[in-house]
């Protein structure tokens, strides 16, 4: 699904109608194949939270889109991309969790060490990122990082952070290199990306994933 979404953006970014139709088809396939309400909640939350954040960032001059069919500075198909990708992040993290539990059943020490090490690496990366980026942006990230560290540090949170950070950044790198958008103040100038990009994707995946999990818990209690 991730390859399909990137392929649609790469091949049809200059045709907003076709991009929207094909991405809607992807959402339909995801809902039909997985068929859980939590997936739909993940899609809706991602579209509703991600789209305004993109508009704000474009307005503040963080990046600029080159695609046609812009609405308030962003392509009309951006909400569909957010919905599809974040549903995919949830599913990849759940599948990875199942594999890990197969390797290390019953919460064995090896599994705990693995997640502790992974969580530690994430914290080190977050700390370094906040030190080097713009102070205003660093404060915004810190506001979201504090509840994430205190409340959202479970194994699923760690996994979905990594999945979102890796796949989101990779997809952006491909599309940016093809000229679909451009960052104006990239810290990593050699690749044209900000050092905080994986942090943005990872934190977004954790927050939106938590919204879907709240829905899961609420429906299970009924």
N, C-alpha and C. Protein backbone atom coordinates (compact mmCIF):
# COMPACT_ATOMS: atom_id res chain seq x y z
N UNK A 1 0.82 -1.20 0.00
CA UNK A 1 0.00 0.00 0.00
C UNK A 1 0.87 1.26 0.00
N UNK A 2 1.93 1.23 0.77
CA UNK A 2 2.83 2.38 0.82
C UNK A 2 3.44 2.65 -0.54
N UNK A 3 3.85 1.57 -1.23
CA UNK A 3 4.42 1.71 -2.58
C UNK A 3 3.37 2.27 -3.54
N UNK A 4 2.14 1.82 -3.39
CA UNK A 4 1.06 2.30 -4.24
C UNK A 4 0.83 3.80 -4.05
N UNK A 5 0.79 4.24 -2.79
CA UNK A 5 0.56 5.67 -2.50
C UNK A 5 1.68 6.51 -3.09
N UNK A 6 2.93 6.09 -2.87
CA UNK A 6 4.07 6.84 -3.42
C UNK A 6 4.01 6.84 -4.95
N UNK A 7 3.64 5.69 -5.53
CA UNK A 7 3.57 5.59 -7.00
C UNK A 7 2.51 6.55 -7.56
N UNK A 8 1.36 6.63 -6.87
CA UNK A 8 0.31 7.55 -7.32
C UNK A 8 0.80 8.99 -7.29
N UNK A 9 1.46 9.36 -6.19
CA UNK A 9 1.97 10.73 -6.07
C UNK A 9 3.04 11.00 -7.14
N UNK A 10 3.94 10.03 -7.33
CA UNK A 10 5.03 10.20 -8.29
C UNK A 10 4.50 10.32 -9.73
N UNK A 11 3.55 9.47 -10.08
CA UNK A 11 3.09 9.40 -11.46
C UNK A 11 1.97 10.38 -11.79
N UNK A 12 1.19 10.79 -10.78
CA UNK A 12 -0.01 11.59 -11.07
C UNK A 12 -0.06 12.92 -10.33
N UNK A 13 1.07 13.39 -9.79
CA UNK A 13 1.03 14.60 -8.98
C UNK A 13 0.62 15.83 -9.77
N UNK A 14 0.78 15.80 -11.07
CA UNK A 14 0.37 16.93 -11.91
C UNK A 14 -1.08 16.81 -12.37
N UNK A 15 -1.74 15.74 -11.98
CA UNK A 15 -3.14 15.52 -12.33
C UNK A 15 -3.92 15.31 -11.03
N UNK A 16 -4.34 16.39 -10.39
CA UNK A 16 -4.97 16.28 -9.06
C UNK A 16 -6.23 15.44 -9.03
N UNK A 17 -7.01 15.46 -10.11
CA UNK A 17 -8.25 14.67 -10.13
C UNK A 17 -7.91 13.18 -10.12
N UNK A 18 -6.99 12.77 -11.01
CA UNK A 18 -6.60 11.36 -11.05
C UNK A 18 -5.95 10.93 -9.74
N UNK A 19 -5.11 11.78 -9.19
CA UNK A 19 -4.48 11.46 -7.91
C UNK A 19 -5.52 11.21 -6.83
N UNK A 20 -6.52 12.07 -6.78
CA UNK A 20 -7.56 11.95 -5.76
C UNK A 20 -8.38 10.67 -5.94
N UNK A 21 -8.72 10.37 -7.20
CA UNK A 21 -9.52 9.16 -7.48
C UNK A 21 -8.74 7.90 -7.10
N UNK A 22 -7.48 7.82 -7.50
CA UNK A 22 -6.67 6.64 -7.22
C UNK A 22 -6.40 6.48 -5.72
N UNK A 23 -6.21 7.59 -5.02
CA UNK A 23 -5.98 7.51 -3.58
C UNK A 23 -7.26 7.13 -2.83
N UNK A 24 -8.39 7.61 -3.31
CA UNK A 24 -9.67 7.17 -2.73
C UNK A 24 -9.85 5.67 -2.90
N UNK A 25 -9.45 5.16 -4.08
CA UNK A 25 -9.50 3.72 -4.30
C UNK A 25 -8.63 2.96 -3.34
N UNK A 26 -7.46 3.52 -3.03
CA UNK A 26 -6.55 2.90 -2.06
C UNK A 26 -7.18 2.83 -0.68
N UNK A 27 -7.84 3.92 -0.27
CA UNK A 27 -8.51 3.93 1.04
C UNK A 27 -9.62 2.87 1.08
N UNK A 28 -10.35 2.77 -0.02
CA UNK A 28 -11.41 1.76 -0.07
C UNK A 28 -10.87 0.35 0.06
N UNK A 29 -9.75 0.07 -0.61
CA UNK A 29 -9.13 -1.25 -0.53
C UNK A 29 -8.65 -1.54 0.88
N UNK A 30 -8.04 -0.54 1.52
CA UNK A 30 -7.56 -0.72 2.88
C UNK A 30 -8.70 -1.05 3.83
N UNK A 31 -9.80 -0.31 3.73
CA UNK A 31 -10.95 -0.56 4.61
C UNK A 31 -11.59 -1.91 4.32
N UNK A 32 -11.65 -2.28 3.05
CA UNK A 32 -12.25 -3.58 2.69
C UNK A 32 -11.37 -4.73 3.16
N UNK A 33 -10.04 -4.57 3.00
CA UNK A 33 -9.12 -5.66 3.32
C UNK A 33 -8.97 -5.85 4.83
N UNK A 34 -8.81 -4.73 5.56
CA UNK A 34 -8.59 -4.84 7.00
C UNK A 34 -9.90 -4.78 7.78
N UNK A 35 -10.80 -3.91 7.39
CA UNK A 35 -12.18 -3.93 7.87
C UNK A 35 -12.40 -3.64 9.34
N UNK A 36 -11.51 -2.92 10.00
CA UNK A 36 -11.72 -2.56 11.40
C UNK A 36 -12.06 -1.08 11.52
N UNK A 37 -12.94 -0.77 12.48
CA UNK A 37 -13.32 0.62 12.67
C UNK A 37 -12.13 1.46 13.11
N UNK A 38 -11.20 0.85 13.82
CA UNK A 38 -10.01 1.60 14.27
C UNK A 38 -9.19 2.10 13.08
N UNK A 39 -9.20 1.35 11.97
CA UNK A 39 -8.50 1.80 10.77
C UNK A 39 -9.18 3.05 10.20
N UNK A 40 -10.52 3.04 10.19
CA UNK A 40 -11.24 4.21 9.70
C UNK A 40 -10.99 5.42 10.60
N UNK A 41 -10.95 5.19 11.91
CA UNK A 41 -10.66 6.28 12.85
C UNK A 41 -9.26 6.83 12.61
N UNK A 42 -8.30 5.93 12.35
CA UNK A 42 -6.94 6.35 12.06
C UNK A 42 -6.92 7.23 10.81
N UNK A 43 -7.66 6.85 9.79
CA UNK A 43 -7.70 7.63 8.56
C UNK A 43 -8.29 9.01 8.80
N UNK A 44 -9.41 9.05 9.49
CA UNK A 44 -10.10 10.32 9.72
C UNK A 44 -9.24 11.25 10.58
N UNK A 45 -8.68 10.70 11.65
CA UNK A 45 -7.84 11.51 12.54
C UNK A 45 -6.62 12.05 11.80
N UNK A 46 -6.00 11.21 10.97
CA UNK A 46 -4.81 11.64 10.22
C UNK A 46 -5.17 12.77 9.25
N UNK A 47 -6.28 12.62 8.54
CA UNK A 47 -6.68 13.65 7.58
C UNK A 47 -7.04 14.95 8.28
N UNK A 48 -7.77 14.86 9.39
CA UNK A 48 -8.22 16.07 10.09
C UNK A 48 -7.09 16.79 10.81
N UNK A 49 -6.11 16.05 11.31
CA UNK A 49 -5.00 16.68 12.02
C UNK A 49 -3.85 17.04 11.08
N UNK A 50 -3.61 16.19 10.09
CA UNK A 50 -2.47 16.42 9.21
C UNK A 50 -2.68 17.54 8.21
N UNK A 51 -3.89 17.65 7.68
CA UNK A 51 -4.15 18.67 6.65
C UNK A 51 -3.98 20.10 7.18
N UNK A 52 -4.58 20.46 8.32
CA UNK A 52 -4.36 21.82 8.84
C UNK A 52 -2.91 22.09 9.19
N UNK A 53 -2.21 21.07 9.70
CA UNK A 53 -0.80 21.28 10.05
C UNK A 53 0.03 21.57 8.81
N UNK A 54 -0.31 20.93 7.70
CA UNK A 54 0.39 21.21 6.44
C UNK A 54 0.11 22.64 5.98
N UNK A 55 -1.13 23.07 6.10
CA UNK A 55 -1.49 24.43 5.70
C UNK A 55 -0.71 25.46 6.51
N UNK A 56 -0.60 25.22 7.81
CA UNK A 56 0.12 26.15 8.68
C UNK A 56 1.60 26.20 8.29
N UNK A 57 2.20 25.03 8.06
CA UNK A 57 3.62 24.99 7.71
C UNK A 57 3.90 25.68 6.39
N UNK A 58 3.01 25.50 5.41
CA UNK A 58 3.17 26.18 4.12
C UNK A 58 3.03 27.69 4.30
N UNK A 59 2.04 28.08 5.11
CA UNK A 59 1.82 29.50 5.37
C UNK A 59 3.03 30.14 6.04
N UNK A 60 3.71 29.40 6.93
CA UNK A 60 4.88 29.92 7.63
C UNK A 60 6.16 29.81 6.81
N UNK A 61 6.06 29.23 5.61
CA UNK A 61 7.21 29.18 4.72
C UNK A 61 8.18 28.05 5.00
N UNK A 62 7.72 27.01 5.70
CA UNK A 62 8.61 25.88 5.99
C UNK A 62 8.91 25.10 4.71
N UNK A 63 7.88 24.88 3.88
CA UNK A 63 8.08 24.25 2.58
C UNK A 63 7.04 24.77 1.60
N UNK A 64 7.25 24.46 0.33
CA UNK A 64 6.35 24.91 -0.74
C UNK A 64 6.08 23.74 -1.68
N UNK A 65 4.80 23.57 -2.05
CA UNK A 65 4.43 22.54 -3.01
C UNK A 65 4.51 23.09 -4.44
N UNK A 66 4.95 22.23 -5.36
CA UNK A 66 5.02 22.59 -6.77
C UNK A 66 3.86 22.02 -7.56
N UNK A 67 3.05 21.19 -6.93
CA UNK A 67 1.96 20.51 -7.62
C UNK A 67 0.84 21.48 -7.97
N UNK A 68 0.10 21.22 -9.07
CA UNK A 68 -1.07 22.03 -9.41
C UNK A 68 -2.25 21.68 -8.52
N UNK A 69 -3.30 22.46 -8.60
CA UNK A 69 -4.50 22.18 -7.84
C UNK A 69 -4.35 22.43 -6.35
N UNK A 70 -3.66 23.51 -6.00
CA UNK A 70 -3.42 23.81 -4.59
C UNK A 70 -4.63 24.49 -3.95
N UNK A 71 -4.91 24.12 -2.72
CA UNK A 71 -5.95 24.77 -1.92
C UNK A 71 -5.31 25.20 -0.61
N UNK A 72 -5.23 26.51 -0.40
CA UNK A 72 -4.55 27.07 0.77
C UNK A 72 -3.10 26.58 0.85
N UNK A 73 -2.50 26.43 -0.32
CA UNK A 73 -1.08 26.09 -0.38
C UNK A 73 -0.76 24.61 -0.45
N UNK A 74 -1.75 23.72 -0.35
CA UNK A 74 -1.49 22.28 -0.38
C UNK A 74 -2.31 21.61 -1.47
N UNK A 75 -1.82 20.49 -2.03
CA UNK A 75 -2.60 19.76 -3.05
C UNK A 75 -3.90 19.20 -2.47
N UNK A 76 -4.90 19.09 -3.31
CA UNK A 76 -6.22 18.62 -2.85
C UNK A 76 -6.17 17.18 -2.35
N UNK A 77 -5.14 16.42 -2.79
CA UNK A 77 -5.08 15.01 -2.41
C UNK A 77 -4.29 14.75 -1.13
N UNK A 78 -3.77 15.78 -0.51
CA UNK A 78 -2.97 15.60 0.71
C UNK A 78 -3.73 14.90 1.84
N UNK A 79 -5.00 15.26 2.11
CA UNK A 79 -5.73 14.54 3.18
C UNK A 79 -5.82 13.03 2.92
N UNK A 80 -5.93 12.65 1.65
CA UNK A 80 -6.02 11.24 1.29
C UNK A 80 -4.69 10.52 1.54
N UNK A 81 -3.59 11.22 1.27
CA UNK A 81 -2.27 10.65 1.54
C UNK A 81 -2.08 10.42 3.03
N UNK A 82 -2.43 11.42 3.82
CA UNK A 82 -2.32 11.27 5.28
C UNK A 82 -3.16 10.09 5.77
N UNK A 83 -4.40 10.01 5.30
CA UNK A 83 -5.30 8.94 5.75
C UNK A 83 -4.74 7.56 5.40
N UNK A 84 -4.28 7.39 4.17
CA UNK A 84 -3.79 6.10 3.72
C UNK A 84 -2.50 5.70 4.43
N UNK A 85 -1.53 6.64 4.51
CA UNK A 85 -0.24 6.31 5.11
C UNK A 85 -0.35 5.97 6.59
N UNK A 86 -1.14 6.72 7.32
CA UNK A 86 -1.20 6.48 8.76
C UNK A 86 -1.96 5.21 9.09
N UNK A 87 -2.93 4.85 8.27
CA UNK A 87 -3.55 3.54 8.42
C UNK A 87 -2.52 2.44 8.16
N UNK A 88 -1.68 2.66 7.15
CA UNK A 88 -0.61 1.71 6.86
C UNK A 88 0.38 1.62 8.02
N UNK A 89 0.75 2.77 8.60
CA UNK A 89 1.66 2.76 9.75
C UNK A 89 1.10 1.90 10.87
N UNK A 90 -0.18 2.04 11.13
CA UNK A 90 -0.82 1.25 12.20
C UNK A 90 -0.71 -0.24 11.89
N UNK A 91 -1.01 -0.61 10.66
CA UNK A 91 -1.02 -2.03 10.30
C UNK A 91 0.39 -2.63 10.31
N UNK A 92 1.38 -1.87 9.82
CA UNK A 92 2.76 -2.37 9.83
C UNK A 92 3.25 -2.55 11.26
N UNK A 93 2.93 -1.60 12.14
CA UNK A 93 3.36 -1.71 13.54
C UNK A 93 2.69 -2.89 14.23
N UNK A 94 1.41 -3.14 13.93
CA UNK A 94 0.73 -4.30 14.52
C UNK A 94 1.33 -5.61 14.04
N UNK A 95 1.64 -5.69 12.75
CA UNK A 95 2.26 -6.90 12.20
C UNK A 95 3.64 -7.12 12.79
N UNK A 96 4.40 -6.04 12.94
CA UNK A 96 5.73 -6.14 13.54
C UNK A 96 5.65 -6.59 14.98
N UNK A 97 4.65 -6.07 15.70
CA UNK A 97 4.46 -6.47 17.08
C UNK A 97 4.16 -7.96 17.18
N UNK A 98 3.36 -8.48 16.26
CA UNK A 98 3.05 -9.91 16.26
C UNK A 98 4.30 -10.75 16.02
N UNK A 99 5.17 -10.29 15.11
CA UNK A 99 6.42 -11.01 14.85
C UNK A 99 7.31 -11.00 16.09
N UNK A 100 7.42 -9.85 16.74
CA UNK A 100 8.26 -9.73 17.93
C UNK A 100 7.74 -10.62 19.05
N UNK A 101 6.44 -10.67 19.22
CA UNK A 101 5.87 -11.51 20.28
C UNK A 101 6.04 -12.99 19.96
N UNK A 102 6.15 -13.32 18.68
CA UNK A 102 6.44 -14.70 18.31
C UNK A 102 7.88 -15.06 18.65
N UNK A 103 8.79 -14.11 18.41
CA UNK A 103 10.20 -14.33 18.71
C UNK A 103 10.45 -14.36 20.20
N UNK A 104 9.78 -13.44 20.91
CA UNK A 104 9.98 -13.32 22.37
C UNK A 104 8.63 -13.39 23.07
N UNK A 105 8.06 -14.57 23.20
CA UNK A 105 6.74 -14.69 23.82
C UNK A 105 6.78 -14.40 25.32
N UNK A 106 5.59 -14.07 25.85
CA UNK A 106 5.42 -13.88 27.30
C UNK A 106 6.32 -12.80 27.89
N UNK A 107 6.55 -11.75 27.10
CA UNK A 107 7.30 -10.59 27.63
C UNK A 107 8.65 -11.01 28.21
N UNK A 108 9.41 -11.82 27.49
CA UNK A 108 10.71 -12.25 27.98
C UNK A 108 11.70 -11.09 28.04
N UNK A 109 12.78 -11.31 28.78
CA UNK A 109 13.76 -10.26 29.01
C UNK A 109 14.32 -9.70 27.72
N UNK A 110 14.55 -10.58 26.73
CA UNK A 110 15.11 -10.14 25.46
C UNK A 110 14.21 -9.10 24.79
N UNK A 111 12.91 -9.32 24.83
CA UNK A 111 11.97 -8.37 24.26
C UNK A 111 12.00 -7.05 24.99
N UNK A 112 12.06 -7.09 26.32
CA UNK A 112 12.11 -5.87 27.11
C UNK A 112 13.39 -5.09 26.83
N UNK A 113 14.50 -5.80 26.70
CA UNK A 113 15.77 -5.13 26.39
C UNK A 113 15.70 -4.48 25.01
N UNK A 114 15.12 -5.19 24.04
CA UNK A 114 14.99 -4.66 22.69
C UNK A 114 14.21 -3.34 22.69
N UNK A 115 13.05 -3.32 23.33
CA UNK A 115 12.23 -2.11 23.33
C UNK A 115 12.87 -1.00 24.17
N UNK A 116 13.54 -1.38 25.25
CA UNK A 116 14.22 -0.36 26.05
C UNK A 116 15.33 0.31 25.25
N UNK A 117 16.10 -0.50 24.51
CA UNK A 117 17.17 0.05 23.68
C UNK A 117 16.61 0.91 22.56
N UNK A 118 15.54 0.44 21.93
CA UNK A 118 14.92 1.20 20.84
C UNK A 118 14.35 2.52 21.36
N UNK A 119 13.68 2.46 22.51
CA UNK A 119 13.15 3.67 23.10
C UNK A 119 14.26 4.64 23.49
N UNK A 120 15.38 4.12 24.00
CA UNK A 120 16.51 4.97 24.35
C UNK A 120 17.10 5.67 23.14
N UNK A 121 17.22 4.95 22.03
CA UNK A 121 17.74 5.56 20.80
C UNK A 121 16.82 6.67 20.31
N UNK A 122 15.52 6.45 20.43
CA UNK A 122 14.56 7.47 20.01
C UNK A 122 14.71 8.73 20.87
N UNK A 123 14.86 8.54 22.18
CA UNK A 123 15.02 9.69 23.08
C UNK A 123 16.29 10.47 22.77
N UNK A 124 17.38 9.76 22.50
CA UNK A 124 18.64 10.43 22.16
C UNK A 124 18.48 11.24 20.89
N UNK A 125 17.85 10.64 19.87
CA UNK A 125 17.62 11.35 18.61
C UNK A 125 16.75 12.59 18.84
N UNK A 126 15.66 12.44 19.63
CA UNK A 126 14.77 13.57 19.90
C UNK A 126 15.53 14.70 20.60
N UNK A 127 16.37 14.35 21.58
CA UNK A 127 17.12 15.34 22.33
C UNK A 127 18.08 16.10 21.42
N UNK A 128 18.80 15.37 20.56
CA UNK A 128 19.75 16.01 19.64
C UNK A 128 19.00 16.91 18.66
N UNK A 129 17.86 16.44 18.17
CA UNK A 129 17.08 17.23 17.22
C UNK A 129 16.62 18.55 17.82
N UNK A 130 16.08 18.49 19.04
CA UNK A 130 15.59 19.70 19.70
C UNK A 130 16.72 20.70 19.93
N UNK A 131 17.93 20.20 20.17
CA UNK A 131 19.07 21.09 20.40
C UNK A 131 19.47 21.87 19.15
N UNK A 132 19.33 21.26 17.99
CA UNK A 132 19.87 21.84 16.77
C UNK A 132 18.88 22.64 15.94
N UNK A 133 17.59 22.41 16.11
CA UNK A 133 16.62 23.09 15.26
C UNK A 133 16.25 24.45 15.82
N UNK A 134 15.46 25.19 15.06
CA UNK A 134 14.97 26.50 15.47
C UNK A 134 14.30 26.44 16.84
N UNK A 135 14.55 27.43 17.69
CA UNK A 135 14.07 27.39 19.07
C UNK A 135 12.54 27.35 19.15
N UNK A 136 11.88 28.10 18.29
CA UNK A 136 10.41 28.11 18.31
C UNK A 136 9.86 26.73 17.95
N UNK A 137 10.41 26.15 16.89
CA UNK A 137 9.98 24.82 16.47
C UNK A 137 10.33 23.79 17.55
N UNK A 138 11.50 23.97 18.18
CA UNK A 138 11.91 23.05 19.24
C UNK A 138 10.92 23.08 20.40
N UNK A 139 10.41 24.26 20.74
CA UNK A 139 9.43 24.37 21.81
C UNK A 139 8.14 23.64 21.46
N UNK A 140 7.72 23.75 20.20
CA UNK A 140 6.51 23.06 19.77
C UNK A 140 6.68 21.55 19.87
N UNK A 141 7.84 21.06 19.40
CA UNK A 141 8.11 19.62 19.50
C UNK A 141 8.14 19.18 20.96
N UNK A 142 8.73 19.99 21.82
CA UNK A 142 8.85 19.64 23.23
C UNK A 142 7.48 19.48 23.88
N UNK A 143 6.54 20.35 23.49
CA UNK A 143 5.18 20.28 24.03
C UNK A 143 4.56 18.91 23.73
N UNK A 144 4.83 18.39 22.54
CA UNK A 144 4.28 17.08 22.17
C UNK A 144 5.13 15.93 22.72
N UNK A 145 6.41 16.18 22.89
CA UNK A 145 7.30 15.12 23.38
C UNK A 145 7.05 14.78 24.84
N UNK A 146 6.74 15.79 25.64
CA UNK A 146 6.57 15.55 27.08
C UNK A 146 5.46 14.53 27.36
N UNK A 147 4.22 14.72 26.84
CA UNK A 147 3.21 13.68 27.09
C UNK A 147 3.56 12.34 26.45
N UNK A 148 4.28 12.39 25.30
CA UNK A 148 4.66 11.14 24.65
C UNK A 148 5.60 10.34 25.54
N UNK A 149 6.58 11.02 26.15
CA UNK A 149 7.54 10.33 27.02
C UNK A 149 6.87 9.85 28.30
N UNK A 150 5.96 10.66 28.85
CA UNK A 150 5.34 10.32 30.13
C UNK A 150 4.26 9.26 29.98
N UNK A 151 3.39 9.44 28.98
CA UNK A 151 2.19 8.60 28.89
C UNK A 151 2.22 7.60 27.73
N UNK A 152 2.88 7.93 26.64
CA UNK A 152 2.78 7.12 25.42
C UNK A 152 4.11 6.44 25.12
N UNK A 153 4.56 5.60 26.00
CA UNK A 153 5.87 4.96 25.82
C UNK A 153 5.76 3.44 25.81
N UNK A 154 4.59 2.93 25.46
CA UNK A 154 4.42 1.49 25.38
C UNK A 154 5.10 0.91 24.15
N UNK A 155 5.11 -0.41 24.05
CA UNK A 155 5.78 -1.06 22.93
C UNK A 155 5.16 -0.69 21.59
N UNK A 156 3.83 -0.62 21.54
CA UNK A 156 3.17 -0.23 20.30
C UNK A 156 3.49 1.21 19.93
N UNK A 157 3.61 2.07 20.94
CA UNK A 157 3.98 3.46 20.67
C UNK A 157 5.38 3.55 20.07
N UNK A 158 6.29 2.79 20.63
CA UNK A 158 7.68 2.81 20.13
C UNK A 158 7.72 2.30 18.69
N UNK A 159 7.00 1.21 18.44
CA UNK A 159 7.02 0.64 17.08
C UNK A 159 6.40 1.58 16.06
N UNK A 160 5.27 2.18 16.39
CA UNK A 160 4.62 3.04 15.40
C UNK A 160 5.41 4.31 15.19
N UNK A 161 6.15 4.75 16.22
CA UNK A 161 7.06 5.89 16.04
C UNK A 161 8.12 5.54 14.99
N UNK A 162 8.74 4.39 15.14
CA UNK A 162 9.80 3.98 14.21
C UNK A 162 9.24 3.79 12.80
N UNK A 163 8.08 3.13 12.70
CA UNK A 163 7.47 2.90 11.38
C UNK A 163 7.14 4.23 10.70
N UNK A 164 6.50 5.13 11.45
CA UNK A 164 6.16 6.44 10.88
C UNK A 164 7.38 7.24 10.49
N UNK A 165 8.40 7.23 11.37
CA UNK A 165 9.62 7.99 11.10
C UNK A 165 10.34 7.49 9.86
N UNK A 166 10.45 6.17 9.73
CA UNK A 166 11.20 5.58 8.61
C UNK A 166 10.44 5.71 7.29
N UNK A 167 9.20 5.23 7.26
CA UNK A 167 8.44 5.23 6.01
C UNK A 167 8.05 6.65 5.59
N UNK A 168 7.66 7.48 6.56
CA UNK A 168 7.29 8.85 6.23
C UNK A 168 8.45 9.63 5.65
N UNK A 169 9.61 9.53 6.29
CA UNK A 169 10.79 10.25 5.81
C UNK A 169 11.25 9.74 4.45
N UNK A 170 11.23 8.43 4.26
CA UNK A 170 11.63 7.85 2.98
C UNK A 170 10.72 8.33 1.85
N UNK A 171 9.40 8.32 2.10
CA UNK A 171 8.46 8.77 1.09
C UNK A 171 8.66 10.24 0.74
N UNK A 172 8.89 11.06 1.78
CA UNK A 172 9.12 12.48 1.53
C UNK A 172 10.41 12.70 0.74
N UNK A 173 11.44 11.94 1.06
CA UNK A 173 12.72 12.09 0.36
C UNK A 173 12.56 11.81 -1.13
N UNK A 174 11.83 10.74 -1.45
CA UNK A 174 11.62 10.39 -2.86
C UNK A 174 10.86 11.50 -3.58
N UNK A 175 9.77 11.93 -2.98
CA UNK A 175 8.94 12.95 -3.63
C UNK A 175 9.65 14.29 -3.73
N UNK A 176 10.42 14.65 -2.69
CA UNK A 176 11.13 15.92 -2.72
C UNK A 176 12.21 15.92 -3.79
N UNK A 177 12.92 14.79 -3.94
CA UNK A 177 13.96 14.71 -4.95
C UNK A 177 13.39 14.79 -6.36
N UNK A 178 12.13 14.42 -6.52
CA UNK A 178 11.48 14.51 -7.83
C UNK A 178 10.87 15.89 -8.07
N UNK A 179 11.02 16.79 -7.09
CA UNK A 179 10.62 18.17 -7.29
C UNK A 179 9.19 18.51 -6.94
N UNK A 180 8.50 17.63 -6.17
CA UNK A 180 7.09 17.89 -5.85
C UNK A 180 6.95 18.99 -4.80
N UNK A 181 7.91 19.08 -3.90
CA UNK A 181 7.93 20.17 -2.91
C UNK A 181 9.36 20.42 -2.47
N UNK A 182 9.55 21.52 -1.77
CA UNK A 182 10.89 21.92 -1.38
C UNK A 182 10.87 22.52 0.01
N UNK A 183 11.83 22.07 0.85
CA UNK A 183 12.02 22.68 2.16
C UNK A 183 12.92 23.90 2.02
N UNK A 184 12.54 24.98 2.68
CA UNK A 184 13.28 26.22 2.52
C UNK A 184 14.47 26.35 3.47
N UNK A 185 14.40 25.67 4.62
CA UNK A 185 15.50 25.79 5.59
C UNK A 185 15.94 24.42 6.09
N UNK A 186 16.37 23.54 5.18
CA UNK A 186 16.78 22.20 5.62
C UNK A 186 18.11 22.23 6.37
N UNK A 187 18.16 21.58 7.52
CA UNK A 187 19.41 21.52 8.28
C UNK A 187 20.38 20.56 7.60
N UNK A 188 19.84 19.47 7.04
CA UNK A 188 20.67 18.53 6.29
C UNK A 188 20.65 18.94 4.82
N UNK A 189 21.45 19.94 4.47
CA UNK A 189 21.40 20.53 3.14
C UNK A 189 21.80 19.55 2.04
N UNK A 190 22.62 18.56 2.38
CA UNK A 190 23.08 17.62 1.37
C UNK A 190 21.94 16.79 0.79
N UNK A 191 20.91 16.56 1.60
CA UNK A 191 19.76 15.80 1.12
C UNK A 191 18.50 16.65 1.06
N UNK A 192 18.59 17.89 1.53
CA UNK A 192 17.46 18.81 1.41
C UNK A 192 16.34 18.60 2.39
N UNK A 193 16.60 17.88 3.49
CA UNK A 193 15.57 17.58 4.47
C UNK A 193 15.95 18.13 5.84
N UNK A 194 14.96 18.53 6.64
CA UNK A 194 15.26 18.95 8.00
C UNK A 194 15.56 17.75 8.89
N UNK A 195 16.44 17.93 9.85
CA UNK A 195 16.79 16.84 10.75
C UNK A 195 15.61 16.41 11.61
N UNK A 196 14.64 17.29 11.75
CA UNK A 196 13.47 16.99 12.59
C UNK A 196 12.38 16.22 11.86
N UNK A 197 12.57 15.93 10.57
CA UNK A 197 11.50 15.28 9.80
C UNK A 197 11.10 13.91 10.36
N UNK A 198 12.05 13.01 10.68
CA UNK A 198 11.64 11.74 11.29
C UNK A 198 10.90 11.94 12.61
N UNK A 199 11.30 12.94 13.39
CA UNK A 199 10.62 13.24 14.65
C UNK A 199 9.18 13.65 14.39
N UNK A 200 8.97 14.49 13.37
CA UNK A 200 7.61 14.93 13.04
C UNK A 200 6.73 13.76 12.64
N UNK A 201 7.26 12.89 11.76
CA UNK A 201 6.48 11.73 11.34
C UNK A 201 6.23 10.76 12.50
N UNK A 202 7.28 10.51 13.28
CA UNK A 202 7.13 9.57 14.39
C UNK A 202 6.14 10.04 15.43
N UNK A 203 6.24 11.30 15.84
CA UNK A 203 5.31 11.83 16.84
C UNK A 203 3.88 11.85 16.32
N UNK A 204 3.72 12.23 15.06
CA UNK A 204 2.38 12.23 14.47
C UNK A 204 1.79 10.83 14.47
N UNK A 205 2.60 9.83 14.15
CA UNK A 205 2.12 8.45 14.14
C UNK A 205 1.71 8.01 15.54
N UNK A 206 2.48 8.39 16.55
CA UNK A 206 2.14 8.03 17.94
C UNK A 206 0.83 8.67 18.36
N UNK A 207 0.69 9.97 18.12
CA UNK A 207 -0.51 10.69 18.55
C UNK A 207 -1.76 10.17 17.85
N UNK A 208 -1.69 10.04 16.53
CA UNK A 208 -2.85 9.57 15.78
C UNK A 208 -3.13 8.10 16.09
N UNK A 209 -2.05 7.31 16.31
CA UNK A 209 -2.24 5.92 16.71
C UNK A 209 -2.93 5.81 18.04
N UNK A 210 -2.63 6.71 18.96
CA UNK A 210 -3.28 6.71 20.26
C UNK A 210 -4.77 7.02 20.15
N UNK A 211 -5.12 7.91 19.23
CA UNK A 211 -6.53 8.21 19.02
C UNK A 211 -7.28 6.96 18.57
N UNK A 212 -6.67 6.21 17.66
CA UNK A 212 -7.29 4.97 17.19
C UNK A 212 -7.39 3.94 18.31
N UNK A 213 -6.38 3.88 19.17
CA UNK A 213 -6.40 2.92 20.29
C UNK A 213 -7.46 3.29 21.32
N UNK A 214 -7.68 4.58 21.53
CA UNK A 214 -8.76 5.01 22.43
C UNK A 214 -10.09 4.53 21.90
N UNK A 215 -10.26 4.63 20.58
CA UNK A 215 -11.49 4.13 19.96
C UNK A 215 -11.60 2.62 20.16
N UNK A 216 -10.51 1.89 19.96
CA UNK A 216 -10.52 0.44 20.16
C UNK A 216 -10.95 0.09 21.58
N UNK A 217 -10.36 0.77 22.56
CA UNK A 217 -10.67 0.50 23.96
C UNK A 217 -12.14 0.81 24.27
N UNK A 218 -12.63 1.92 23.72
CA UNK A 218 -14.02 2.32 23.98
C UNK A 218 -15.01 1.33 23.39
N UNK A 219 -14.73 0.84 22.18
CA UNK A 219 -15.65 -0.09 21.53
C UNK A 219 -15.60 -1.48 22.20
N UNK A 220 -14.41 -1.86 22.69
CA UNK A 220 -14.30 -3.15 23.38
C UNK A 220 -15.06 -3.15 24.71
N UNK A 221 -15.15 -1.96 25.33
CA UNK A 221 -15.83 -1.85 26.61
C UNK A 221 -17.34 -1.88 26.47
N UNK A 222 -17.84 -1.62 25.27
CA UNK A 222 -19.29 -1.61 25.05
C UNK A 222 -19.88 -3.01 25.07
